[in-house]
C-alpha cells in the first residue's frame, strides 16, 4: 500500500472529511507518477512528450500511476507499445488542462478521479507554492 493509497483509504473511511481530502491532495502533489505517453513521437515536435489520453462522451481523461508496476499492470501486453514519463504530481497538475479528468491508479483498489474543478483548485495550490518559493 503506497502513501497515496493510505491517504485515499483514510479519506474514504472518514466519508470525505475535508482534512482527509486535503491530505489526499497534498500527497498527490508530492507523489512521483508514471504517466503513459506516446512511444513514437515526431522528432520535430517541440513538446518533450505527448501524454496518452482518451475522450469519452466529450470528456478528456488522462491516467497516471504511482508505481511502475501499476502502469505495467494497466498496460498489460501493450506495455511495449507505449512510453512513460516520471513526473511529480505538482508538475502533472501544473501542466494539465483544467478541462481534463486526471485518473490516478485507474483499475486499482484505491483509484481516484480528479475532476476538472479539483484540477483548477489544485492549480491554485501549486501557484501558491511556487509563489512562496520565489519570494
C-alpha atoms as a PDB file:
ATOM      1  CA  UNK A   1       0.000   0.000   0.000  1.00  0.00           C
ATOM      2  CA  UNK A   2       1.552   3.307  -1.088  1.00  0.00           C
ATOM      3  CA  UNK A   3       1.402   6.595   0.814  1.00  0.00           C
ATOM      4  CA  UNK A   4      -1.215   7.819  -1.664  1.00  0.00           C
ATOM      5  CA  UNK A   5      -3.270   4.629  -1.166  1.00  0.00           C
ATOM      6  CA  UNK A   6      -3.198   5.239   2.579  1.00  0.00           C
ATOM      7  CA  UNK A   7      -4.370   8.847   2.190  1.00  0.00           C
ATOM      8  CA  UNK A   8      -7.198   7.824  -0.151  1.00  0.00           C
ATOM      9  CA  UNK A   9      -8.246   4.968   2.169  1.00  0.00           C
ATOM     10  CA  UNK A  10      -8.371   7.386   5.119  1.00  0.00           C
ATOM     11  CA  UNK A  11     -10.495   9.854   3.128  1.00  0.00           C
ATOM     12  CA  UNK A  12     -12.938   7.095   2.151  1.00  0.00           C
ATOM     13  CA  UNK A  13     -13.068   5.820   5.749  1.00  0.00           C
ATOM     14  CA  UNK A  14     -13.897   9.301   7.051  1.00  0.00           C
ATOM     15  CA  UNK A  15     -16.564   9.689   4.350  1.00  0.00           C
ATOM     16  CA  UNK A  16     -14.755  12.611   2.737  1.00  0.00           C
ATOM     17  CA  UNK A  17     -13.877  14.646   5.821  1.00  0.00           C
ATOM     18  CA  UNK A  18     -12.168  17.793   4.469  1.00  0.00           C
ATOM     19  CA  UNK A  19      -8.985  17.296   6.484  1.00  0.00           C
ATOM     20  CA  UNK A  20      -8.532  13.822   4.988  1.00  0.00           C
ATOM     21  CA  UNK A  21      -9.361  15.006   1.466  1.00  0.00           C
ATOM     22  CA  UNK A  22      -6.741  17.746   1.820  1.00  0.00           C
ATOM     23  CA  UNK A  23      -4.180  15.079   2.805  1.00  0.00           C
ATOM     24  CA  UNK A  24      -5.007  13.226  -0.426  1.00  0.00           C
ATOM     25  CA  UNK A  25      -4.376  16.395  -2.444  1.00  0.00           C
ATOM     26  CA  UNK A  26      -1.102  17.223  -0.673  1.00  0.00           C
ATOM     27  CA  UNK A  27       0.118  13.646  -1.016  1.00  0.00           C
ATOM     28  CA  UNK A  28      -0.832  13.684  -4.697  1.00  0.00           C
ATOM     29  CA  UNK A  29       1.246  16.830  -5.272  1.00  0.00           C
ATOM     30  CA  UNK A  30       4.310  15.187  -3.623  1.00  0.00           C
ATOM     31  CA  UNK A  31       3.982  11.818  -5.367  1.00  0.00           C
ATOM     32  CA  UNK A  32       6.173  10.738  -8.273  1.00  0.00           C
ATOM     33  CA  UNK A  33       3.904   9.415 -11.015  1.00  0.00           C
ATOM     34  CA  UNK A  34       4.351   7.303 -14.116  1.00  0.00           C
ATOM     35  CA  UNK A  35       2.478   8.956 -16.971  1.00  0.00           C
ATOM     36  CA  UNK A  36       1.797   6.846 -20.076  1.00  0.00           C
ATOM     37  CA  UNK A  37       2.977   8.658 -23.209  1.00  0.00           C
ATOM     38  CA  UNK A  38       3.136   8.120 -26.955  1.00  0.00           C
ATOM     39  CA  UNK A  39       6.092   5.954 -27.880  1.00  0.00           C
ATOM     40  CA  UNK A  40       6.993   7.155 -31.361  1.00  0.00           C
ATOM     41  CA  UNK A  41       6.854  10.910 -31.027  1.00  0.00           C
ATOM     42  CA  UNK A  42       7.573  13.103 -34.048  1.00  0.00           C
ATOM     43  CA  UNK A  43      11.237  14.225 -33.713  1.00  0.00           C
ATOM     44  CA  UNK A  44      10.250  17.730 -34.870  1.00  0.00           C
ATOM     45  CA  UNK A  45       7.725  18.026 -32.044  1.00  0.00           C
ATOM     46  CA  UNK A  46       8.826  20.717 -29.582  1.00  0.00           C
ATOM     47  CA  UNK A  47       6.957  19.055 -26.686  1.00  0.00           C
ATOM     48  CA  UNK A  48       9.183  16.779 -24.575  1.00  0.00           C
ATOM     49  CA  UNK A  49       6.451  14.087 -24.546  1.00  0.00           C
ATOM     50  CA  UNK A  50       2.826  13.508 -25.549  1.00  0.00           C
ATOM     51  CA  UNK A  51       0.687  12.030 -22.749  1.00  0.00           C
ATOM     52  CA  UNK A  52      -1.842   9.371 -23.651  1.00  0.00           C
ATOM     53  CA  UNK A  53      -5.424  10.393 -23.041  1.00  0.00           C
ATOM     54  CA  UNK A  54      -8.873   9.274 -24.033  1.00  0.00           C
ATOM     55  CA  UNK A  55     -12.080  11.085 -24.869  1.00  0.00           C
ATOM     56  CA  UNK A  56     -15.342   9.562 -23.605  1.00  0.00           C
ATOM     57  CA  UNK A  57     -18.686  11.277 -24.134  1.00  0.00           C
ATOM     58  CA  UNK A  58     -16.954  14.600 -24.814  1.00  0.00           C
ATOM     59  CA  UNK A  59     -14.771  14.430 -21.689  1.00  0.00           C
ATOM     60  CA  UNK A  60     -10.989  14.024 -21.672  1.00  0.00           C
ATOM     61  CA  UNK A  61      -9.256  11.609 -19.283  1.00  0.00           C
ATOM     62  CA  UNK A  62      -5.538  11.263 -18.577  1.00  0.00           C
ATOM     63  CA  UNK A  63      -4.046   8.460 -16.484  1.00  0.00           C
ATOM     64  CA  UNK A  64      -1.161   8.435 -14.007  1.00  0.00           C
ATOM     65  CA  UNK A  65       0.100   5.638 -11.766  1.00  0.00           C
ATOM     66  CA  UNK A  66       2.084   5.926  -8.536  1.00  0.00           C
ATOM     67  CA  UNK A  67       4.175   2.820  -9.237  1.00  0.00           C
ATOM     68  CA  UNK A  68       5.715   1.461 -12.408  1.00  0.00           C
ATOM     69  CA  UNK A  69       4.217  -1.940 -11.563  1.00  0.00           C
ATOM     70  CA  UNK A  70       0.719  -0.432 -11.664  1.00  0.00           C
ATOM     71  CA  UNK A  71       1.404   1.186 -15.026  1.00  0.00           C
ATOM     72  CA  UNK A  72       2.643  -2.157 -16.340  1.00  0.00           C
ATOM     73  CA  UNK A  73      -0.399  -3.922 -14.853  1.00  0.00           C
ATOM     74  CA  UNK A  74      -2.751  -1.471 -16.548  1.00  0.00           C
ATOM     75  CA  UNK A  75      -0.944  -1.678 -19.903  1.00  0.00           C
ATOM     76  CA  UNK A  76      -0.620  -5.468 -19.831  1.00  0.00           C
ATOM     77  CA  UNK A  77       0.797  -6.927 -23.028  1.00  0.00           C
ATOM     78  CA  UNK A  78       0.592  -3.464 -24.660  1.00  0.00           C
ATOM     79  CA  UNK A  79       3.309  -2.011 -22.400  1.00  0.00           C
ATOM     80  CA  UNK A  80       5.915  -2.217 -25.180  1.00  0.00           C
ATOM     81  CA  UNK A  81       3.635  -0.074 -27.365  1.00  0.00           C
ATOM     82  CA  UNK A  82       3.879   2.967 -25.106  1.00  0.00           C
ATOM     83  CA  UNK A  83       6.430   5.122 -23.406  1.00  0.00           C
ATOM     84  CA  UNK A  84       6.143   6.707 -19.981  1.00  0.00           C
ATOM     85  CA  UNK A  85       7.413   9.749 -18.156  1.00  0.00           C
ATOM     86  CA  UNK A  86       8.276  10.001 -14.459  1.00  0.00           C
ATOM     87  CA  UNK A  87       6.733  13.253 -13.252  1.00  0.00           C
ATOM     88  CA  UNK A  88       5.776  14.803  -9.921  1.00  0.00           C
ATOM     89  CA  UNK A  89       2.144  15.288  -9.046  1.00  0.00           C
ATOM     90  CA  UNK A  90       2.820  19.015  -8.766  1.00  0.00           C
ATOM     91  CA  UNK A  91       4.114  19.081 -12.352  1.00  0.00           C
ATOM     92  CA  UNK A  92       1.191  16.970 -13.583  1.00  0.00           C
ATOM     93  CA  UNK A  93      -1.262  19.468 -12.109  1.00  0.00           C
ATOM     94  CA  UNK A  94       0.723  22.466 -13.386  1.00  0.00           C
ATOM     95  CA  UNK A  95       0.748  21.057 -16.919  1.00  0.00           C
ATOM     96  CA  UNK A  96      -2.714  19.540 -17.256  1.00  0.00           C
ATOM     97  CA  UNK A  97      -5.604  21.412 -18.807  1.00  0.00           C
ATOM     98  CA  UNK A  98      -8.380  22.219 -16.389  1.00  0.00           C
ATOM     99  CA  UNK A  99     -10.737  20.538 -18.851  1.00  0.00           C
ATOM    100  CA  UNK A 100      -9.232  17.097 -18.191  1.00  0.00           C
ATOM    101  CA  UNK A 101     -10.112  14.442 -15.619  1.00  0.00           C
ATOM    102  CA  UNK A 102      -6.981  13.059 -14.003  1.00  0.00           C
ATOM    103  CA  UNK A 103      -7.325   9.345 -13.295  1.00  0.00           C
ATOM    104  CA  UNK A 104      -4.942   8.183 -10.569  1.00  0.00           C
ATOM    105  CA  UNK A 105      -4.224   4.436 -10.455  1.00  0.00           C
ATOM    106  CA  UNK A 106      -7.069   3.522 -12.813  1.00  0.00           C
ATOM    107  CA  UNK A 107      -8.165  -0.084 -12.370  1.00  0.00           C
ATOM    108  CA  UNK A 108      -6.682  -0.488  -8.899  1.00  0.00           C
ATOM    109  CA  UNK A 109      -8.272  -0.599  -5.451  1.00  0.00           C
ATOM    110  CA  UNK A 110      -7.563   2.996  -4.466  1.00  0.00           C
ATOM    111  CA  UNK A 111      -8.429   4.609  -7.796  1.00  0.00           C
ATOM    112  CA  UNK A 112      -9.075   8.349  -7.548  1.00  0.00           C
ATOM    113  CA  UNK A 113     -10.550  10.548 -10.239  1.00  0.00           C
ATOM    114  CA  UNK A 114      -9.622  14.222 -10.009  1.00  0.00           C
ATOM    115  CA  UNK A 115     -12.340  16.308 -11.698  1.00  0.00           C
ATOM    116  CA  UNK A 116     -11.608  19.451 -13.747  1.00  0.00           C
ATOM    117  CA  UNK A 117     -12.903  21.552 -10.822  1.00  0.00           C
ATOM    118  CA  UNK A 118     -10.469  19.809  -8.471  1.00  0.00           C
ATOM    119  CA  UNK A 119      -7.668  20.344 -11.013  1.00  0.00           C
ATOM    120  CA  UNK A 120      -8.467  24.086 -11.031  1.00  0.00           C
ATOM    121  CA  UNK A 121      -8.253  24.210  -7.226  1.00  0.00           C
ATOM    122  CA  UNK A 122      -5.010  22.231  -7.187  1.00  0.00           C
ATOM    123  CA  UNK A 123      -3.534  24.594  -9.801  1.00  0.00           C
ATOM    124  CA  UNK A 124      -4.141  27.433  -7.329  1.00  0.00           C
ATOM    125  CA  UNK A 125      -2.309  25.476  -4.623  1.00  0.00           C
ATOM    126  CA  UNK A 126       0.628  24.830  -6.974  1.00  0.00           C
ATOM    127  CA  UNK A 127       0.741  28.530  -7.920  1.00  0.00           C
ATOM    128  CA  UNK A 128       0.841  29.497  -4.224  1.00  0.00           C
ATOM    129  CA  UNK A 129       3.648  27.015  -3.567  1.00  0.00           C
ATOM    130  CA  UNK A 130       5.647  28.448  -6.471  1.00  0.00           C
ATOM    131  CA  UNK A 131       4.955  31.996  -5.309  1.00  0.00           C
ATOM    132  CA  UNK A 132       6.210  31.154  -1.808  1.00  0.00           C
ATOM    133  CA  UNK A 133       9.368  29.549  -3.233  1.00  0.00           C
ATOM    134  CA  UNK A 134      10.111  32.618  -5.343  1.00  0.00           C
ATOM    135  CA  UNK A 135       9.556  35.088  -2.506  1.00  0.00           C
END
